[in-house]
Amino acid sequence: MARTVNHANRTIRREAFVDAAQRLIVSKGYEQMSVQDVLDALDASRGAFYHYFDSKVALLEAVIDRMVVEATAKVERTLADPDVSALAKLSRLLTDIADYKNERQDLVRGFLQVWLSDDNVLVRDKLRRLTVARLTPLLAPIVRQGCAEGTFSVSSPDETARVLVSLLQGLNELASELFLIRQAGTITLDEVEHTVSAYLEAFERILGVAAGSLPRQQHTLREWFG
């Protein structure tokens, strides 16, 4: 008789590996973390690990998958509210993503050095694709709503949403670089704020809204770069 797979238990066990990796990234950093560290944290065998993941990079991808889902889950409830304007929803989305990073600073900081490494080009590409797949369906209804309300002025809402996601990705990757540069003391907080503001101004121009319509996240910038 074929063995019956308990999918619930399998999911729980897989998530335990992701939990352990996330804790180790915070405490040691990804590059310093080894597969053996994960096994020791769970008192697990290598066979158990490779049952779920074929490499350390695959485990990292699972952590990233979780982060992307968690970062956008909160805002989904706001987006479903018909009484909230499109501009308010967009502002909330940007704020919630920033808040997610603020609440998990140790985890995000644990990624920064490895994130910019040439050895992780494939992982960064996976995150880009995940972000597009996750954020575009959230942004497109906002842009369509904004056009219907007369707040946004774009000819192709769905395509514009994809452009905005690409802009957000560019800002996120640049922010990682700026953080490390700021740590080295070769850039000022004012220069960081000016750079981030330029991206948000581009966002506003694409949508056809007044300058300053979107939150500048100055508190978040000071939290990370001050």
C-alpha atoms as a PDB file:
ATOM      1  CA  MET A   1       0.000   0.000   0.000  1.00  0.00           C
ATOM      2  CA  ALA A   2       1.339   3.436  -0.940  1.00  0.00           C
ATOM      3  CA  ARG A   3       2.279   5.624   1.970  1.00  0.00           C
ATOM      4  CA  THR A   4      -0.132   8.478   2.644  1.00  0.00           C
ATOM      5  CA  VAL A   5       1.586  11.859   2.890  1.00  0.00           C
ATOM      6  CA  ASN A   6       0.321  14.097   5.647  1.00  0.00           C
ATOM      7  CA  HIS A   7       0.520  17.426   3.854  1.00  0.00           C
ATOM      8  CA  ALA A   8      -0.278  19.432   6.987  1.00  0.00           C
ATOM      9  CA  ASN A   9       2.611  17.877   8.902  1.00  0.00           C
ATOM     10  CA  ARG A  10       4.890  18.305   5.896  1.00  0.00           C
ATOM     11  CA  THR A  11       4.070  22.002   5.727  1.00  0.00           C
ATOM     12  CA  ILE A  12       4.652  22.452   9.449  1.00  0.00           C
ATOM     13  CA  ARG A  13       8.013  20.690   9.266  1.00  0.00           C
ATOM     14  CA  ARG A  14       9.096  22.718   6.230  1.00  0.00           C
ATOM     15  CA  GLU A  15       8.107  25.949   7.971  1.00  0.00           C
ATOM     16  CA  ALA A  16      10.212  24.941  10.968  1.00  0.00           C
ATOM     17  CA  PHE A  17      13.287  24.989   8.727  1.00  0.00           C
ATOM     18  CA  VAL A  18      12.286  28.420   7.420  1.00  0.00           C
ATOM     19  CA  ASP A  19      11.765  29.669  10.996  1.00  0.00           C
ATOM     20  CA  ALA A  20      15.195  28.418  12.027  1.00  0.00           C
ATOM     21  CA  ALA A  21      16.885  29.980   9.003  1.00  0.00           C
ATOM     22  CA  GLN A  22      15.169  33.293   9.683  1.00  0.00           C
ATOM     23  CA  ARG A  23      16.404  33.318  13.286  1.00  0.00           C
ATOM     24  CA  LEU A  24      19.937  32.431  12.207  1.00  0.00           C
ATOM     25  CA  ILE A  25      19.999  35.138   9.543  1.00  0.00           C
ATOM     26  CA  VAL A  26      19.141  37.623  12.284  1.00  0.00           C
ATOM     27  CA  SER A  27      21.727  36.302  14.760  1.00  0.00           C
ATOM     28  CA  LYS A  28      24.586  35.366  12.399  1.00  0.00           C
ATOM     29  CA  GLY A  29      23.820  36.685   8.923  1.00  0.00           C
ATOM     30  CA  TYR A  30      23.139  34.539   5.876  1.00  0.00           C
ATOM     31  CA  GLU A  31      26.744  34.088   4.765  1.00  0.00           C
ATOM     32  CA  GLN A  32      27.849  32.905   8.208  1.00  0.00           C
ATOM     33  CA  MET A  33      24.871  30.564   8.558  1.00  0.00           C
ATOM     34  CA  SER A  34      25.456  26.968   7.474  1.00  0.00           C
ATOM     35  CA  VAL A  35      23.062  24.133   6.756  1.00  0.00           C
ATOM     36  CA  GLN A  36      24.537  22.405   9.815  1.00  0.00           C
ATOM     37  CA  ASP A  37      23.524  25.399  11.941  1.00  0.00           C
ATOM     38  CA  VAL A  38      19.945  24.918  10.798  1.00  0.00           C
ATOM     39  CA  LEU A  39      20.093  21.178  11.529  1.00  0.00           C
ATOM     40  CA  ASP A  40      21.533  21.803  14.995  1.00  0.00           C
ATOM     41  CA  ALA A  41      18.818  24.364  15.771  1.00  0.00           C
ATOM     42  CA  LEU A  42      16.131  21.791  15.008  1.00  0.00           C
ATOM     43  CA  ASP A  43      17.992  18.620  15.980  1.00  0.00           C
ATOM     44  CA  ALA A  44      17.232  17.447  12.445  1.00  0.00           C
ATOM     45  CA  SER A  45      19.075  15.207   9.994  1.00  0.00           C
ATOM     46  CA  ARG A  46      20.520  16.213   6.632  1.00  0.00           C
ATOM     47  CA  GLY A  47      18.084  13.833   5.018  1.00  0.00           C
ATOM     48  CA  ALA A  48      15.182  15.752   6.543  1.00  0.00           C
ATOM     49  CA  PHE A  49      16.596  19.064   5.315  1.00  0.00           C
ATOM     50  CA  TYR A  50      17.145  17.848   1.762  1.00  0.00           C
ATOM     51  CA  HIS A  51      13.673  16.393   1.700  1.00  0.00           C
ATOM     52  CA  TYR A  52      12.382  19.976   1.600  1.00  0.00           C
ATOM     53  CA  PHE A  53      15.267  22.013   0.181  1.00  0.00           C
ATOM     54  CA  ASP A  54      17.946  21.106  -2.321  1.00  0.00           C
ATOM     55  CA  SER A  55      20.409  23.738  -1.097  1.00  0.00           C
ATOM     56  CA  LYS A  56      21.068  26.585   1.316  1.00  0.00           C
ATOM     57  CA  VAL A  57      20.023  29.007  -1.449  1.00  0.00           C
ATOM     58  CA  ALA A  58      16.671  27.229  -1.777  1.00  0.00           C
ATOM     59  CA  LEU A  59      16.132  27.765   1.952  1.00  0.00           C
ATOM     60  CA  LEU A  60      16.980  31.454   1.522  1.00  0.00           C
ATOM     61  CA  GLU A  61      14.406  31.667  -1.268  1.00  0.00           C
ATOM     62  CA  ALA A  62      11.794  30.206   1.094  1.00  0.00           C
ATOM     63  CA  VAL A  63      12.592  32.902   3.663  1.00  0.00           C
ATOM     64  CA  ILE A  64      12.236  35.546   0.943  1.00  0.00           C
ATOM     65  CA  ASP A  65       8.935  34.043  -0.208  1.00  0.00           C
ATOM     66  CA  ARG A  66       7.610  34.413   3.323  1.00  0.00           C
ATOM     67  CA  MET A  67       8.852  37.991   3.647  1.00  0.00           C
ATOM     68  CA  VAL A  68       7.174  39.090   0.410  1.00  0.00           C
ATOM     69  CA  VAL A  69       3.859  37.515   1.428  1.00  0.00           C
ATOM     70  CA  GLU A  70       3.991  38.966   4.942  1.00  0.00           C
ATOM     71  CA  ALA A  71       4.956  42.431   3.723  1.00  0.00           C
ATOM     72  CA  THR A  72       1.887  42.669   1.482  1.00  0.00           C
ATOM     73  CA  ALA A  73      -0.687  40.685   3.488  1.00  0.00           C
ATOM     74  CA  LYS A  74      -1.591  43.547   5.829  1.00  0.00           C
ATOM     75  CA  VAL A  75      -2.335  46.008   3.058  1.00  0.00           C
ATOM     76  CA  GLU A  76      -4.658  43.612   1.247  1.00  0.00           C
ATOM     77  CA  ARG A  77      -7.365  44.253   3.839  1.00  0.00           C
ATOM     78  CA  THR A  78      -7.194  47.999   3.221  1.00  0.00           C
ATOM     79  CA  LEU A  79      -7.298  47.558  -0.541  1.00  0.00           C
ATOM     80  CA  ALA A  80     -10.564  45.664  -0.275  1.00  0.00           C
ATOM     81  CA  ASP A  81     -12.336  48.592   1.447  1.00  0.00           C
ATOM     82  CA  PRO A  82     -14.475  50.448  -1.130  1.00  0.00           C
ATOM     83  CA  ASP A  83     -14.717  53.514   1.113  1.00  0.00           C
ATOM     84  CA  VAL A  84     -10.952  54.206   1.015  1.00  0.00           C
ATOM     85  CA  SER A  85      -9.728  56.412  -1.843  1.00  0.00           C
ATOM     86  CA  ALA A  86      -7.137  55.159  -4.317  1.00  0.00           C
ATOM     87  CA  LEU A  87      -4.546  57.695  -3.183  1.00  0.00           C
ATOM     88  CA  ALA A  88      -5.064  56.682   0.457  1.00  0.00           C
ATOM     89  CA  LYS A  89      -4.701  53.014  -0.489  1.00  0.00           C
ATOM     90  CA  LEU A  90      -1.472  53.676  -2.357  1.00  0.00           C
ATOM     91  CA  SER A  91      -0.086  55.697   0.545  1.00  0.00           C
ATOM     92  CA  ARG A  92      -1.069  52.901   2.927  1.00  0.00           C
ATOM     93  CA  LEU A  93       0.636  50.291   0.782  1.00  0.00           C
ATOM     94  CA  LEU A  94       3.910  52.238   0.805  1.00  0.00           C
ATOM     95  CA  THR A  95       3.632  52.889   4.544  1.00  0.00           C
ATOM     96  CA  ASP A  96       2.826  49.270   5.395  1.00  0.00           C
ATOM     97  CA  ILE A  97       5.828  47.986   3.450  1.00  0.00           C
ATOM     98  CA  ALA A  98       8.057  50.477   5.281  1.00  0.00           C
ATOM     99  CA  ASP A  99       6.518  49.490   8.626  1.00  0.00           C
ATOM    100  CA  TYR A 100       7.157  45.804   7.881  1.00  0.00           C
ATOM    101  CA  LYS A 101      10.855  46.532   7.403  1.00  0.00           C
ATOM    102  CA  ASN A 102      10.996  48.692  10.527  1.00  0.00           C
ATOM    103  CA  GLU A 103       9.424  45.953  12.615  1.00  0.00           C
ATOM    104  CA  ARG A 104      11.947  43.399  11.330  1.00  0.00           C
ATOM    105  CA  GLN A 105      15.107  45.472  11.165  1.00  0.00           C
ATOM    106  CA  ASP A 106      17.370  42.684  12.409  1.00  0.00           C
ATOM    107  CA  LEU A 107      16.132  40.326   9.694  1.00  0.00           C
ATOM    108  CA  VAL A 108      16.404  42.896   6.914  1.00  0.00           C
ATOM    109  CA  ARG A 109      19.863  43.967   8.073  1.00  0.00           C
ATOM    110  CA  GLY A 110      20.892  40.310   8.060  1.00  0.00           C
ATOM    111  CA  PHE A 111      20.186  40.226   4.339  1.00  0.00           C
ATOM    112  CA  LEU A 112      21.836  43.450   3.229  1.00  0.00           C
ATOM    113  CA  GLN A 113      25.458  42.418   2.781  1.00  0.00           C
ATOM    114  CA  VAL A 114      24.628  39.153   1.058  1.00  0.00           C
ATOM    115  CA  TRP A 115      21.910  40.807  -1.004  1.00  0.00           C
ATOM    116  CA  LEU A 116      24.357  42.864  -3.031  1.00  0.00           C
ATOM    117  CA  SER A 117      26.823  40.025  -3.500  1.00  0.00           C
ATOM    118  CA  ASP A 118      27.454  38.836  -7.058  1.00  0.00           C
ATOM    119  CA  ASP A 119      26.981  35.292  -5.761  1.00  0.00           C
ATOM    120  CA  ASN A 120      23.276  35.947  -5.226  1.00  0.00           C
ATOM    121  CA  VAL A 121      22.217  37.285  -8.619  1.00  0.00           C
ATOM    122  CA  LEU A 122      19.765  34.414  -9.101  1.00  0.00           C
ATOM    123  CA  VAL A 123      18.201  34.956  -5.688  1.00  0.00           C
ATOM    124  CA  ARG A 124      17.753  38.678  -6.389  1.00  0.00           C
ATOM    125  CA  ASP A 125      16.156  37.833  -9.717  1.00  0.00           C
ATOM    126  CA  LYS A 126      13.744  35.493  -7.954  1.00  0.00           C
ATOM    127  CA  LEU A 127      12.778  38.245  -5.528  1.00  0.00           C
ATOM    128  CA  ARG A 128      12.159  40.631  -8.421  1.00  0.00           C
ATOM    129  CA  ARG A 129       9.841  38.119 -10.067  1.00  0.00           C
ATOM    130  CA  LEU A 130       8.066  37.392  -6.793  1.00  0.00           C
ATOM    131  CA  THR A 131       7.582  41.090  -6.156  1.00  0.00           C
ATOM    132  CA  VAL A 132       6.107  41.647  -9.615  1.00  0.00           C
ATOM    133  CA  ALA A 133       3.769  38.680  -9.193  1.00  0.00           C
ATOM    134  CA  ARG A 134       2.653  39.790  -5.734  1.00  0.00           C
ATOM    135  CA  LEU A 135       2.475  43.578  -6.040  1.00  0.00           C
ATOM    136  CA  THR A 136       1.161  44.100  -9.571  1.00  0.00           C
ATOM    137  CA  PRO A 137      -2.274  42.570  -8.817  1.00  0.00           C
ATOM    138  CA  LEU A 138      -2.449  44.803  -5.719  1.00  0.00           C
ATOM    139  CA  LEU A 139      -1.460  47.998  -7.503  1.00  0.00           C
ATOM    140  CA  ALA A 140      -3.530  47.552 -10.673  1.00  0.00           C
ATOM    141  CA  PRO A 141      -6.953  47.889  -8.943  1.00  0.00           C
ATOM    142  CA  ILE A 142      -5.678  50.950  -7.073  1.00  0.00           C
ATOM    143  CA  VAL A 143      -4.640  52.622 -10.328  1.00  0.00           C
ATOM    144  CA  ARG A 144      -7.945  51.713 -11.982  1.00  0.00           C
ATOM    145  CA  GLN A 145      -9.851  53.092  -8.983  1.00  0.00           C
ATOM    146  CA  GLY A 146      -7.793  56.277  -9.057  1.00  0.00           C
ATOM    147  CA  CYS A 147      -8.574  56.778 -12.731  1.00  0.00           C
ATOM    148  CA  ALA A 148     -12.293  56.223 -12.080  1.00  0.00           C
ATOM    149  CA  GLU A 149     -12.158  58.758  -9.239  1.00  0.00           C
ATOM    150  CA  GLY A 150     -10.375  61.255 -11.462  1.00  0.00           C
ATOM    151  CA  THR A 151      -7.356  61.321  -9.129  1.00  0.00           C
ATOM    152  CA  PHE A 152      -4.899  59.521 -11.416  1.00  0.00           C
ATOM    153  CA  SER A 153      -4.322  60.348 -15.049  1.00  0.00           C
ATOM    154  CA  VAL A 154      -2.953  57.351 -16.947  1.00  0.00           C
ATOM    155  CA  SER A 155      -4.034  55.729 -20.186  1.00  0.00           C
ATOM    156  CA  SER A 156      -3.235  52.105 -19.292  1.00  0.00           C
ATOM    157  CA  PRO A 157      -3.811  51.337 -15.588  1.00  0.00           C
ATOM    158  CA  ASP A 158      -2.646  47.717 -15.627  1.00  0.00           C
ATOM    159  CA  GLU A 159       0.552  48.484 -17.536  1.00  0.00           C
ATOM    160  CA  THR A 160       1.159  51.511 -15.313  1.00  0.00           C
ATOM    161  CA  ALA A 161       0.911  49.264 -12.253  1.00  0.00           C
ATOM    162  CA  ARG A 162       3.714  47.111 -13.660  1.00  0.00           C
ATOM    163  CA  VAL A 163       5.845  50.220 -14.236  1.00  0.00           C
ATOM    164  CA  LEU A 164       5.237  51.350 -10.644  1.00  0.00           C
ATOM    165  CA  VAL A 165       6.275  47.953  -9.294  1.00  0.00           C
ATOM    166  CA  SER A 166       9.519  48.194 -11.280  1.00  0.00           C
ATOM    167  CA  LEU A 167      10.088  51.641  -9.803  1.00  0.00           C
ATOM    168  CA  LEU A 168       9.505  50.282  -6.294  1.00  0.00           C
ATOM    169  CA  GLN A 169      11.986  47.486  -6.936  1.00  0.00           C
ATOM    170  CA  GLY A 170      14.575  49.978  -8.112  1.00  0.00           C
ATOM    171  CA  LEU A 171      14.043  52.097  -5.009  1.00  0.00           C
ATOM    172  CA  ASN A 172      14.306  49.081  -2.706  1.00  0.00           C
ATOM    173  CA  GLU A 173      17.565  47.913  -4.276  1.00  0.00           C
ATOM    174  CA  LEU A 174      19.013  51.427  -4.262  1.00  0.00           C
ATOM    175  CA  ALA A 175      18.029  51.813  -0.598  1.00  0.00           C
ATOM    176  CA  SER A 176      20.074  48.701   0.216  1.00  0.00           C
ATOM    177  CA  GLU A 177      23.111  50.205  -1.489  1.00  0.00           C
ATOM    178  CA  LEU A 178      22.573  53.574   0.208  1.00  0.00           C
ATOM    179  CA  PHE A 179      22.343  51.892   3.611  1.00  0.00           C
ATOM    180  CA  LEU A 180      25.768  50.320   3.227  1.00  0.00           C
ATOM    181  CA  ILE A 181      27.218  53.549   1.857  1.00  0.00           C
ATOM    182  CA  ARG A 182      25.717  55.457   4.773  1.00  0.00           C
ATOM    183  CA  GLN A 183      27.256  52.959   7.186  1.00  0.00           C
ATOM    184  CA  ALA A 184      30.624  53.756   5.623  1.00  0.00           C
ATOM    185  CA  GLY A 185      29.997  57.460   6.261  1.00  0.00           C
ATOM    186  CA  THR A 186      30.313  58.544   2.634  1.00  0.00           C
ATOM    187  CA  ILE A 187      26.795  59.893   2.172  1.00  0.00           C
ATOM    188  CA  THR A 188      24.655  62.212   4.295  1.00  0.00           C
ATOM    189  CA  LEU A 189      21.092  61.703   5.496  1.00  0.00           C
ATOM    190  CA  ASP A 190      20.019  64.697   3.402  1.00  0.00           C
ATOM    191  CA  GLU A 191      21.431  63.040   0.283  1.00  0.00           C
ATOM    192  CA  VAL A 192      19.556  59.835   1.082  1.00  0.00           C
ATOM    193  CA  GLU A 193      16.288  61.734   1.592  1.00  0.00           C
ATOM    194  CA  HIS A 194      16.803  63.627  -1.683  1.00  0.00           C
ATOM    195  CA  THR A 195      17.365  60.378  -3.598  1.00  0.00           C
ATOM    196  CA  VAL A 196      14.296  58.649  -2.144  1.00  0.00           C
ATOM    197  CA  SER A 197      12.185  61.752  -2.766  1.00  0.00           C
ATOM    198  CA  ALA A 198      13.203  61.702  -6.435  1.00  0.00           C
ATOM    199  CA  TYR A 199      11.717  58.206  -6.794  1.00  0.00           C
ATOM    200  CA  LEU A 200       8.483  59.257  -5.123  1.00  0.00           C
ATOM    201  CA  GLU A 201       8.284  62.333  -7.363  1.00  0.00           C
ATOM    202  CA  ALA A 202       8.583  60.015 -10.372  1.00  0.00           C
ATOM    203  CA  PHE A 203       5.760  57.911  -8.906  1.00  0.00           C
ATOM    204  CA  GLU A 204       3.578  61.020  -8.586  1.00  0.00           C
ATOM    205  CA  ARG A 205       4.344  62.250 -12.084  1.00  0.00           C
ATOM    206  CA  ILE A 206       3.500  58.886 -13.626  1.00  0.00           C
ATOM    207  CA  LEU A 207       0.125  58.939 -11.874  1.00  0.00           C
ATOM    208  CA  GLY A 208      -0.484  62.625 -12.570  1.00  0.00           C
ATOM    209  CA  VAL A 209      -0.931  63.672  -8.932  1.00  0.00           C
ATOM    210  CA  ALA A 210       0.492  66.729  -7.192  1.00  0.00           C
ATOM    211  CA  ALA A 211       4.014  66.657  -5.799  1.00  0.00           C
ATOM    212  CA  GLY A 212       3.998  65.634  -2.151  1.00  0.00           C
ATOM    213  CA  SER A 213       0.852  63.516  -2.482  1.00  0.00           C
ATOM    214  CA  LEU A 214       2.680  60.380  -1.337  1.00  0.00           C
ATOM    215  CA  PRO A 215       4.297  59.952   2.107  1.00  0.00           C
ATOM    216  CA  ARG A 216       8.057  60.625   2.179  1.00  0.00           C
ATOM    217  CA  GLN A 217       8.655  58.142   5.024  1.00  0.00           C
ATOM    218  CA  GLN A 218      11.044  60.547   6.749  1.00  0.00           C
ATOM    219  CA  HIS A 219      10.641  58.735  10.075  1.00  0.00           C
ATOM    220  CA  THR A 220      11.623  55.457   8.412  1.00  0.00           C
ATOM    221  CA  LEU A 221      14.594  57.045   6.669  1.00  0.00           C
ATOM    222  CA  ARG A 222      15.871  58.506   9.938  1.00  0.00           C
ATOM    223  CA  GLU A 223      15.324  55.146  11.623  1.00  0.00           C
ATOM    224  CA  TRP A 224      17.544  53.407   9.071  1.00  0.00           C
ATOM    225  CA  PHE A 225      19.954  56.098   7.935  1.00  0.00           C
ATOM    226  CA  GLY A 226      20.101  58.561  10.828  1.00  0.00           C
END
